[in-house]
Amino acid sequence: MKFIINALRRVEGDGYVTLNARIYSFLLWGLTNPRVLSPSSTLRQMIRIGVEALPMASLVALSVGFILAMQSSTELGKLGANAFIPDLVSLSLLRELGPLLIAIIVVGRSGSAVAAELGTMKVNEEIEALKVMAISPTRVLVVPRYLALMIMLPILTVFGNCIGLAGGWAVCVGTLDMTSSFYITHAVQRPELWDLYSGLIKSAVFAHLIITIACYQGLSVTGGAEGVGRATTASVVYSILWIIIADALLTGLFFFVL
């Protein structure tokens, strides 16, 4: 274990892969020395990155639940198959739309904030000051944010799924004359545990991509305030791009292999 940690920490350079190697080294080191991970800093970042994003994520999830129920009722109603609307809403949220849309909201709100914050610190030479004091910026600044988002994004996804199901319930009960017991029974019984697990796996992968890209862009800022703006924009664009690519790859893996 010590050999692996030391090897990762000796990785040179400022690239994206190097940043990931440093993050993993401190995480492994934290298994033997918990003080390395700074629980208080991680908790603060969990509140800033995750808890404060809850209202926006809830609003998006509720809107998606409304949209899924209303759009599916238009076509399924023609076939007399409104009974399948709860199944469609629950499966779509758990497998795909819940993890993806919540991740995109977190990118726009929290990922951009992380990139801008670290970029401002880089421009103000605070990063260099930490290095001069022999304090690793990765350990102090990156790892708490990494742990916070890896914990909070799956939690936000589960909460968003519940809010989305509530939105579908409001449409089905309020406009389609469906009973609450019928909706809840079908929405809960139709999905399998794997549908929930696959969405959580996606959210964990998305969290890794969001926070590592945001931190990399922030720590790579050059050119003053203009560079901070470019890094913030790049973090959002690249995060969304790689989230969608990762979503397609994971969906294909789950569909063809598992």
Protein backbone atom coordinates (compact mmCIF):
# COMPACT_ATOMS: atom_id res chain seq x y z
CA MET A 1 0.00 0.00 0.00
CA LYS A 2 2.76 2.47 0.91
CA PHE A 3 4.60 1.67 -2.31
CA ILE A 4 1.50 2.46 -4.38
CA ILE A 5 0.84 5.70 -2.50
CA ASN A 6 4.43 6.91 -2.87
CA ALA A 7 4.45 6.01 -6.56
CA LEU A 8 1.29 7.99 -7.23
CA ARG A 9 2.48 11.00 -5.26
CA ARG A 10 5.73 11.11 -7.23
CA VAL A 11 3.88 11.48 -10.53
CA GLU A 12 5.11 14.68 -12.17
CA GLY A 13 3.30 17.15 -14.39
CA ASP A 14 0.10 19.15 -14.33
CA GLY A 15 -2.09 17.09 -16.64
CA TYR A 16 -5.54 15.68 -16.04
CA VAL A 17 -4.25 12.14 -15.50
CA THR A 18 -1.66 13.45 -13.05
CA LEU A 19 -4.36 15.22 -11.05
CA ASN A 20 -6.36 11.99 -10.83
CA ALA A 21 -3.27 10.08 -9.67
CA ARG A 22 -2.67 12.62 -6.91
CA ILE A 23 -6.28 12.47 -5.78
CA TYR A 24 -6.11 8.67 -5.54
CA SER A 25 -2.83 8.84 -3.65
CA PHE A 26 -4.32 11.05 -0.94
CA LEU A 27 -7.45 8.91 -0.76
CA LEU A 28 -5.31 5.82 -0.23
CA TRP A 29 -3.19 7.67 2.31
CA GLY A 30 -6.38 8.69 4.09
CA LEU A 31 -7.23 5.02 4.67
CA THR A 32 -4.28 4.79 7.06
CA ASN A 33 -4.33 8.40 8.29
CA PRO A 34 -7.89 9.86 8.34
CA ARG A 35 -6.63 13.33 9.27
CA VAL A 36 -5.27 13.67 5.74
CA LEU A 37 -8.80 13.89 4.33
CA SER A 38 -9.93 16.85 6.54
CA PRO A 39 -13.53 15.85 7.40
CA SER A 40 -14.48 19.43 8.33
CA SER A 41 -13.45 20.76 4.91
CA THR A 42 -15.27 17.90 3.20
CA LEU A 43 -18.44 18.64 5.18
CA ARG A 44 -18.31 22.33 4.24
CA GLN A 45 -17.97 21.40 0.59
CA MET A 46 -20.84 18.91 0.85
CA ILE A 47 -23.06 21.77 2.01
CA ARG A 48 -21.86 24.20 -0.66
CA ILE A 49 -21.75 21.76 -3.57
CA GLY A 50 -24.62 19.45 -2.70
CA VAL A 51 -27.08 20.76 -0.13
CA GLU A 52 -27.31 24.26 -1.63
CA ALA A 53 -28.02 22.71 -5.05
CA LEU A 54 -31.02 20.83 -3.68
CA PRO A 55 -33.75 23.43 -4.51
CA MET A 56 -32.65 23.75 -8.13
CA ALA A 57 -32.28 19.98 -8.56
CA SER A 58 -35.72 19.43 -7.01
CA LEU A 59 -37.36 21.92 -9.35
CA VAL A 60 -35.80 20.28 -12.40
CA ALA A 61 -36.76 16.78 -11.23
CA LEU A 62 -40.35 17.88 -10.55
CA SER A 63 -40.59 19.43 -14.02
CA VAL A 64 -39.23 16.27 -15.63
CA GLY A 65 -41.83 14.18 -13.80
CA PHE A 66 -44.58 16.48 -15.10
CA ILE A 67 -43.24 16.35 -18.65
CA LEU A 68 -42.82 12.58 -18.75
CA ALA A 69 -46.34 11.94 -17.50
CA MET A 70 -47.98 14.49 -19.79
CA GLN A 71 -46.08 13.54 -22.94
CA SER A 72 -46.51 9.79 -22.43
CA SER A 73 -50.24 10.18 -21.74
CA THR A 74 -50.69 11.81 -25.16
CA GLU A 75 -49.61 8.70 -27.08
CA LEU A 76 -50.41 5.96 -24.60
CA GLY A 77 -53.91 7.38 -24.18
CA LYS A 78 -54.56 6.78 -27.88
CA LEU A 79 -53.86 3.09 -27.29
CA GLY A 80 -55.81 2.94 -24.05
CA ALA A 81 -52.59 2.23 -22.18
CA ASN A 82 -52.52 4.98 -19.58
CA ALA A 83 -51.92 2.27 -16.98
CA PHE A 84 -48.31 2.08 -18.18
CA ILE A 85 -47.55 5.74 -17.49
CA PRO A 86 -46.27 5.10 -13.90
CA ASP A 87 -43.97 2.38 -15.25
CA LEU A 88 -42.56 4.70 -17.91
CA VAL A 89 -42.03 7.59 -15.50
CA SER A 90 -40.27 5.49 -12.87
CA LEU A 91 -38.02 3.59 -15.29
CA SER A 92 -37.06 6.72 -17.24
CA LEU A 93 -36.13 8.58 -14.07
CA LEU A 94 -34.20 5.77 -12.40
CA ARG A 95 -32.27 4.58 -15.42
CA GLU A 96 -31.57 7.72 -17.39
CA LEU A 97 -33.13 11.13 -16.86
CA GLY A 98 -32.62 11.38 -13.10
CA PRO A 99 -28.83 10.86 -13.06
CA LEU A 100 -28.24 12.79 -16.29
CA LEU A 101 -30.28 15.92 -15.62
CA ILE A 102 -29.25 16.23 -11.97
CA ALA A 103 -25.61 15.95 -13.06
CA ILE A 104 -26.06 18.69 -15.66
CA ILE A 105 -27.64 20.96 -13.03
CA VAL A 106 -24.69 20.31 -10.70
CA VAL A 107 -22.27 21.09 -13.54
CA GLY A 108 -23.86 24.47 -14.15
CA ARG A 109 -24.14 25.39 -10.50
CA SER A 110 -21.35 23.67 -8.57
CA GLY A 111 -18.82 22.60 -11.20
CA SER A 112 -18.51 26.10 -12.60
CA ALA A 113 -18.21 27.53 -9.07
CA VAL A 114 -15.35 25.16 -8.23
CA ALA A 115 -13.49 26.05 -11.44
CA ALA A 116 -13.95 29.77 -10.85
CA GLU A 117 -12.91 29.55 -7.20
CA LEU A 118 -9.74 27.57 -7.87
CA GLY A 119 -8.96 29.71 -10.90
CA THR A 120 -9.20 32.88 -8.83
CA MET A 121 -6.89 31.36 -6.24
CA LYS A 122 -4.45 30.48 -9.01
CA VAL A 123 -4.52 34.01 -10.43
CA ASN A 124 -4.02 35.50 -6.95
CA GLU A 125 -1.02 33.16 -6.45
CA GLU A 126 -2.62 31.47 -3.45
CA ILE A 127 -1.86 28.08 -5.02
CA GLU A 128 1.81 28.99 -5.29
CA ALA A 129 1.78 30.16 -1.67
CA LEU A 130 0.54 26.74 -0.56
CA LYS A 131 3.31 25.06 -2.52
CA VAL A 132 5.93 27.36 -0.96
CA MET A 133 4.68 26.29 2.49
CA ALA A 134 5.01 22.63 1.42
CA ILE A 135 1.23 22.17 1.52
CA SER A 136 -0.24 20.15 -1.33
CA PRO A 137 -3.03 22.07 -3.13
CA THR A 138 -4.48 18.73 -4.19
CA ARG A 139 -4.87 17.54 -0.60
CA VAL A 140 -6.18 20.84 0.79
CA LEU A 141 -8.34 22.08 -2.10
CA VAL A 142 -9.17 19.22 -4.46
CA VAL A 143 -9.71 16.13 -2.30
CA PRO A 144 -12.42 17.67 -0.05
CA ARG A 145 -14.34 18.83 -3.12
CA TYR A 146 -13.88 15.44 -4.77
CA LEU A 147 -15.21 13.54 -1.76
CA ALA A 148 -18.08 16.01 -1.31
CA LEU A 149 -19.41 15.60 -4.84
CA MET A 150 -18.85 11.84 -4.92
CA ILE A 151 -21.07 11.61 -1.84
CA MET A 152 -23.65 14.24 -2.66
CA LEU A 153 -24.43 13.62 -6.34
CA PRO A 154 -25.81 10.08 -5.79
CA ILE A 155 -27.84 11.43 -2.85
CA LEU A 156 -29.18 14.28 -5.00
CA THR A 157 -30.02 11.75 -7.71
CA VAL A 158 -32.06 9.57 -5.35
CA PHE A 159 -33.85 12.63 -3.97
CA GLY A 160 -34.49 13.92 -7.48
CA ASN A 161 -35.95 10.57 -8.52
CA CYS A 162 -38.44 10.79 -5.65
CA ILE A 163 -39.41 14.36 -6.56
CA GLY A 164 -39.80 13.36 -10.22
CA LEU A 165 -42.10 10.50 -9.26
CA ALA A 166 -44.13 12.97 -7.23
CA GLY A 167 -44.47 15.15 -10.32
CA GLY A 168 -45.71 12.19 -12.35
CA TRP A 169 -48.15 11.35 -9.56
CA ALA A 170 -49.58 14.88 -9.62
CA VAL A 171 -50.32 14.62 -13.35
CA CYS A 172 -51.74 11.09 -13.22
CA VAL A 173 -53.96 11.71 -10.22
CA GLY A 174 -54.92 15.26 -11.07
CA THR A 175 -55.69 14.96 -14.79
CA LEU A 176 -55.91 11.28 -15.75
CA ASP A 177 -58.29 10.09 -13.01
CA MET A 178 -55.75 7.57 -11.75
CA THR A 179 -55.84 6.59 -8.08
CA SER A 180 -52.83 7.24 -5.87
CA SER A 181 -52.63 3.59 -4.83
CA PHE A 182 -52.54 2.45 -8.47
CA TYR A 183 -49.80 4.95 -9.39
CA ILE A 184 -47.63 4.17 -6.37
CA THR A 185 -48.00 0.41 -6.78
CA HIS A 186 -46.96 0.44 -10.44
CA ALA A 187 -44.22 3.06 -10.01
CA VAL A 188 -42.62 1.11 -7.17
CA GLN A 189 -43.14 -2.49 -8.29
CA ARG A 190 -42.19 -2.15 -11.97
CA PRO A 191 -38.53 -1.08 -11.54
CA GLU A 192 -36.01 -3.65 -10.34
CA LEU A 193 -33.14 -2.99 -7.96
CA TRP A 194 -30.74 -2.97 -10.88
CA ASP A 195 -32.58 0.02 -12.36
CA LEU A 196 -31.76 1.97 -9.20
CA TYR A 197 -28.19 0.66 -9.04
CA SER A 198 -27.48 1.51 -12.67
CA GLY A 199 -28.57 5.10 -12.08
CA LEU A 200 -26.37 5.37 -8.98
CA ILE A 201 -23.39 3.96 -10.89
CA LYS A 202 -23.93 6.60 -13.56
CA SER A 203 -24.19 9.37 -10.97
CA ALA A 204 -20.90 8.27 -9.36
CA VAL A 205 -19.14 8.31 -12.74
CA PHE A 206 -20.66 11.70 -13.54
CA ALA A 207 -19.52 13.07 -10.16
CA HIS A 208 -15.95 11.97 -10.86
CA LEU A 209 -15.96 13.63 -14.26
CA ILE A 210 -17.55 16.86 -13.04
CA ILE A 211 -15.23 17.52 -10.12
CA THR A 212 -11.98 16.40 -11.73
CA ILE A 213 -12.61 18.46 -14.87
CA ALA A 214 -13.63 21.50 -12.81
CA CYS A 215 -10.56 21.25 -10.56
CA TYR A 216 -8.22 20.65 -13.50
CA GLN A 217 -9.55 23.67 -15.38
CA GLY A 218 -9.36 25.84 -12.27
CA LEU A 219 -5.80 24.84 -11.42
CA SER A 220 -4.70 25.36 -15.04
CA VAL A 221 -5.82 29.00 -15.30
CA THR A 222 -3.46 31.47 -16.95
CA GLY A 223 -4.02 35.04 -18.04
CA GLY A 224 -5.73 36.73 -15.11
CA ALA A 225 -9.46 37.35 -14.86
CA GLU A 226 -10.00 36.54 -18.53
CA GLY A 227 -8.38 33.16 -17.97
CA VAL A 228 -10.75 32.46 -15.06
CA GLY A 229 -13.71 33.08 -17.37
CA ARG A 230 -12.30 30.80 -20.05
CA ALA A 231 -11.61 28.04 -17.51
CA THR A 232 -15.11 28.28 -16.05
CA THR A 233 -16.70 28.03 -19.49
CA ALA A 234 -14.41 25.16 -20.47
CA SER A 235 -15.23 23.24 -17.29
CA VAL A 236 -18.97 23.42 -18.03
CA VAL A 237 -18.64 22.54 -21.72
CA TYR A 238 -16.22 19.63 -21.23
CA SER A 239 -18.13 18.29 -18.23
CA ILE A 240 -21.43 18.15 -20.12
CA LEU A 241 -19.72 16.65 -23.16
CA TRP A 242 -18.04 13.87 -21.20
CA ILE A 243 -21.13 13.23 -19.09
CA ILE A 244 -23.17 12.56 -22.22
CA ILE A 245 -20.42 10.37 -23.69
CA ALA A 246 -20.09 8.43 -20.44
CA ASP A 247 -23.86 8.05 -20.26
CA ALA A 248 -23.96 6.57 -23.75
CA LEU A 249 -21.09 4.17 -22.97
CA LEU A 250 -22.59 3.02 -19.67
CA THR A 251 -26.04 2.59 -21.20
CA GLY A 252 -24.53 0.46 -23.96
CA LEU A 253 -22.58 -1.57 -21.41
CA PHE A 254 -25.67 -2.21 -19.28
CA PHE A 255 -27.76 -3.04 -22.34
CA PHE A 256 -25.41 -5.36 -24.21
CA VAL A 257 -23.32 -6.93 -21.44
CA LEU A 258 -25.31 -6.99 -18.19
